[in-house]
Amino acid sequence: MTNPNHPCESCSMSIETGRYCVHCTNERGELQPFAERFARMVAWQQRRNPEQSRADAEKATLTWMSTMPAWKAHPEIKARLSGA
């Protein structure tokens, strides 16, 4: 029997239906704006690794988001990773 779950295209959390999990969407089920999702993911990264600096948490988050289908082509990801 196969697992019907698949990863959220924004954060990779396992979900049953749709493209995005409840943590990555607004009340209408739409993907949150980049700035909001980035801030929440950085906060999660800092809770997970409290010894990590804010700059390192942001870099790790950008690197992770650049692998996610929802964000990999987002201009903000490309600009921040290139240092622009």
C-alpha atoms as a PDB file:
ATOM      1  CA  MET A   1       0.000   0.000   0.000  1.00  0.00           C
ATOM      2  CA  THR A   2       1.370   3.416  -0.917  1.00  0.00           C
ATOM      3  CA  ASN A   3       1.383   6.441   1.349  1.00  0.00           C
ATOM      4  CA  PRO A   4      -1.123   9.022   0.036  1.00  0.00           C
ATOM      5  CA  ASN A   5       0.815  11.879   1.650  1.00  0.00           C
ATOM      6  CA  HIS A   6       3.096  14.177  -0.285  1.00  0.00           C
ATOM      7  CA  PRO A   7       5.266  17.152   0.721  1.00  0.00           C
ATOM      8  CA  CYS A   8       4.075  20.731   0.939  1.00  0.00           C
ATOM      9  CA  GLU A   9       5.652  22.626  -1.953  1.00  0.00           C
ATOM     10  CA  SER A  10       6.607  25.460   0.397  1.00  0.00           C
ATOM     11  CA  CYS A  11       8.130  23.713   3.446  1.00  0.00           C
ATOM     12  CA  SER A  12       8.096  19.944   2.697  1.00  0.00           C
ATOM     13  CA  MET A  13       5.766  19.071   5.575  1.00  0.00           C
ATOM     14  CA  SER A  14       3.813  15.916   4.786  1.00  0.00           C
ATOM     15  CA  ILE A  15       0.247  16.690   3.655  1.00  0.00           C
ATOM     16  CA  GLU A  16      -2.621  14.659   2.265  1.00  0.00           C
ATOM     17  CA  THR A  17      -4.095  17.056  -0.274  1.00  0.00           C
ATOM     18  CA  GLY A  18      -3.286  20.289  -2.031  1.00  0.00           C
ATOM     19  CA  ARG A  19       0.021  21.963  -2.746  1.00  0.00           C
ATOM     20  CA  TYR A  20       0.622  23.695   0.590  1.00  0.00           C
ATOM     21  CA  CYS A  21       0.204  22.858   4.277  1.00  0.00           C
ATOM     22  CA  VAL A  22      -1.884  24.873   6.732  1.00  0.00           C
ATOM     23  CA  HIS A  23       1.272  26.532   8.116  1.00  0.00           C
ATOM     24  CA  CYS A  24       2.196  27.996   4.724  1.00  0.00           C
ATOM     25  CA  THR A  25      -1.226  29.293   3.715  1.00  0.00           C
ATOM     26  CA  ASN A  26      -3.527  32.112   4.743  1.00  0.00           C
ATOM     27  CA  GLU A  27      -7.148  31.745   5.843  1.00  0.00           C
ATOM     28  CA  ARG A  28      -8.225  31.377   2.178  1.00  0.00           C
ATOM     29  CA  GLY A  29      -5.780  28.534   1.568  1.00  0.00           C
ATOM     30  CA  GLU A  30      -3.442  30.702  -0.532  1.00  0.00           C
ATOM     31  CA  LEU A  31       0.310  30.612  -0.133  1.00  0.00           C
ATOM     32  CA  GLN A  32       1.490  33.288   2.299  1.00  0.00           C
ATOM     33  CA  PRO A  33       3.582  36.121   0.835  1.00  0.00           C
ATOM     34  CA  PHE A  34       7.332  35.530   0.732  1.00  0.00           C
ATOM     35  CA  ALA A  35       8.143  37.984   3.551  1.00  0.00           C
ATOM     36  CA  GLU A  36       5.671  36.370   5.947  1.00  0.00           C
ATOM     37  CA  ARG A  37       6.690  32.807   5.122  1.00  0.00           C
ATOM     38  CA  PHE A  38      10.402  33.704   5.320  1.00  0.00           C
ATOM     39  CA  ALA A  39       9.983  35.352   8.744  1.00  0.00           C
ATOM     40  CA  ARG A  40       8.089  32.361  10.108  1.00  0.00           C
ATOM     41  CA  MET A  41      10.598  29.887   8.718  1.00  0.00           C
ATOM     42  CA  VAL A  42      13.513  31.865  10.189  1.00  0.00           C
ATOM     43  CA  ALA A  43      11.737  31.889  13.580  1.00  0.00           C
ATOM     44  CA  TRP A  44      11.282  28.112  13.327  1.00  0.00           C
ATOM     45  CA  GLN A  45      14.960  27.701  12.416  1.00  0.00           C
ATOM     46  CA  GLN A  46      15.981  29.773  15.458  1.00  0.00           C
ATOM     47  CA  ARG A  47      13.753  27.730  17.798  1.00  0.00           C
ATOM     48  CA  ARG A  48      15.261  24.559  16.367  1.00  0.00           C
ATOM     49  CA  ASN A  49      18.857  25.858  16.651  1.00  0.00           C
ATOM     50  CA  PRO A  50      18.912  28.528  19.388  1.00  0.00           C
ATOM     51  CA  GLU A  51      22.714  28.784  19.281  1.00  0.00           C
ATOM     52  CA  GLN A  52      22.602  29.861  15.640  1.00  0.00           C
ATOM     53  CA  SER A  53      22.977  33.564  14.818  1.00  0.00           C
ATOM     54  CA  ARG A  54      20.127  35.379  13.091  1.00  0.00           C
ATOM     55  CA  ALA A  55      22.268  35.770   9.951  1.00  0.00           C
ATOM     56  CA  ASP A  56      23.015  32.041   9.864  1.00  0.00           C
ATOM     57  CA  ALA A  57      19.346  31.197  10.450  1.00  0.00           C
ATOM     58  CA  GLU A  58      18.358  33.455   7.551  1.00  0.00           C
ATOM     59  CA  LYS A  59      20.988  31.920   5.257  1.00  0.00           C
ATOM     60  CA  ALA A  60      19.915  28.369   6.187  1.00  0.00           C
ATOM     61  CA  THR A  61      16.277  29.317   5.569  1.00  0.00           C
ATOM     62  CA  LEU A  62      17.041  30.864   2.186  1.00  0.00           C
ATOM     63  CA  THR A  63      19.066  27.820   1.191  1.00  0.00           C
ATOM     64  CA  TRP A  64      16.208  25.510   2.222  1.00  0.00           C
ATOM     65  CA  MET A  65      13.548  27.628   0.520  1.00  0.00           C
ATOM     66  CA  SER A  66      15.592  27.626  -2.699  1.00  0.00           C
ATOM     67  CA  THR A  67      14.998  23.861  -2.923  1.00  0.00           C
ATOM     68  CA  MET A  68      11.224  24.118  -2.508  1.00  0.00           C
ATOM     69  CA  PRO A  69       9.022  24.249  -5.644  1.00  0.00           C
ATOM     70  CA  ALA A  70       7.016  27.199  -4.296  1.00  0.00           C
ATOM     71  CA  TRP A  71      10.100  29.366  -3.786  1.00  0.00           C
ATOM     72  CA  LYS A  72      13.014  28.166  -5.923  1.00  0.00           C
ATOM     73  CA  ALA A  73      12.315  30.650  -8.732  1.00  0.00           C
ATOM     74  CA  HIS A  74      11.183  33.494  -6.469  1.00  0.00           C
ATOM     75  CA  PRO A  75      13.177  36.671  -7.204  1.00  0.00           C
ATOM     76  CA  GLU A  76      13.683  37.382  -3.488  1.00  0.00           C
ATOM     77  CA  ILE A  77      15.443  34.018  -3.026  1.00  0.00           C
ATOM     78  CA  LYS A  78      17.740  34.608  -5.973  1.00  0.00           C
ATOM     79  CA  ALA A  79      18.545  38.182  -4.927  1.00  0.00           C
ATOM     80  CA  ARG A  80      19.282  37.328  -1.300  1.00  0.00           C
ATOM     81  CA  LEU A  81      21.396  34.280  -2.094  1.00  0.00           C
ATOM     82  CA  SER A  82      23.423  36.220  -4.642  1.00  0.00           C
ATOM     83  CA  GLY A  83      23.985  39.027  -2.152  1.00  0.00           C
ATOM     84  CA  ALA A  84      22.180  41.618  -4.264  1.00  0.00           C
END
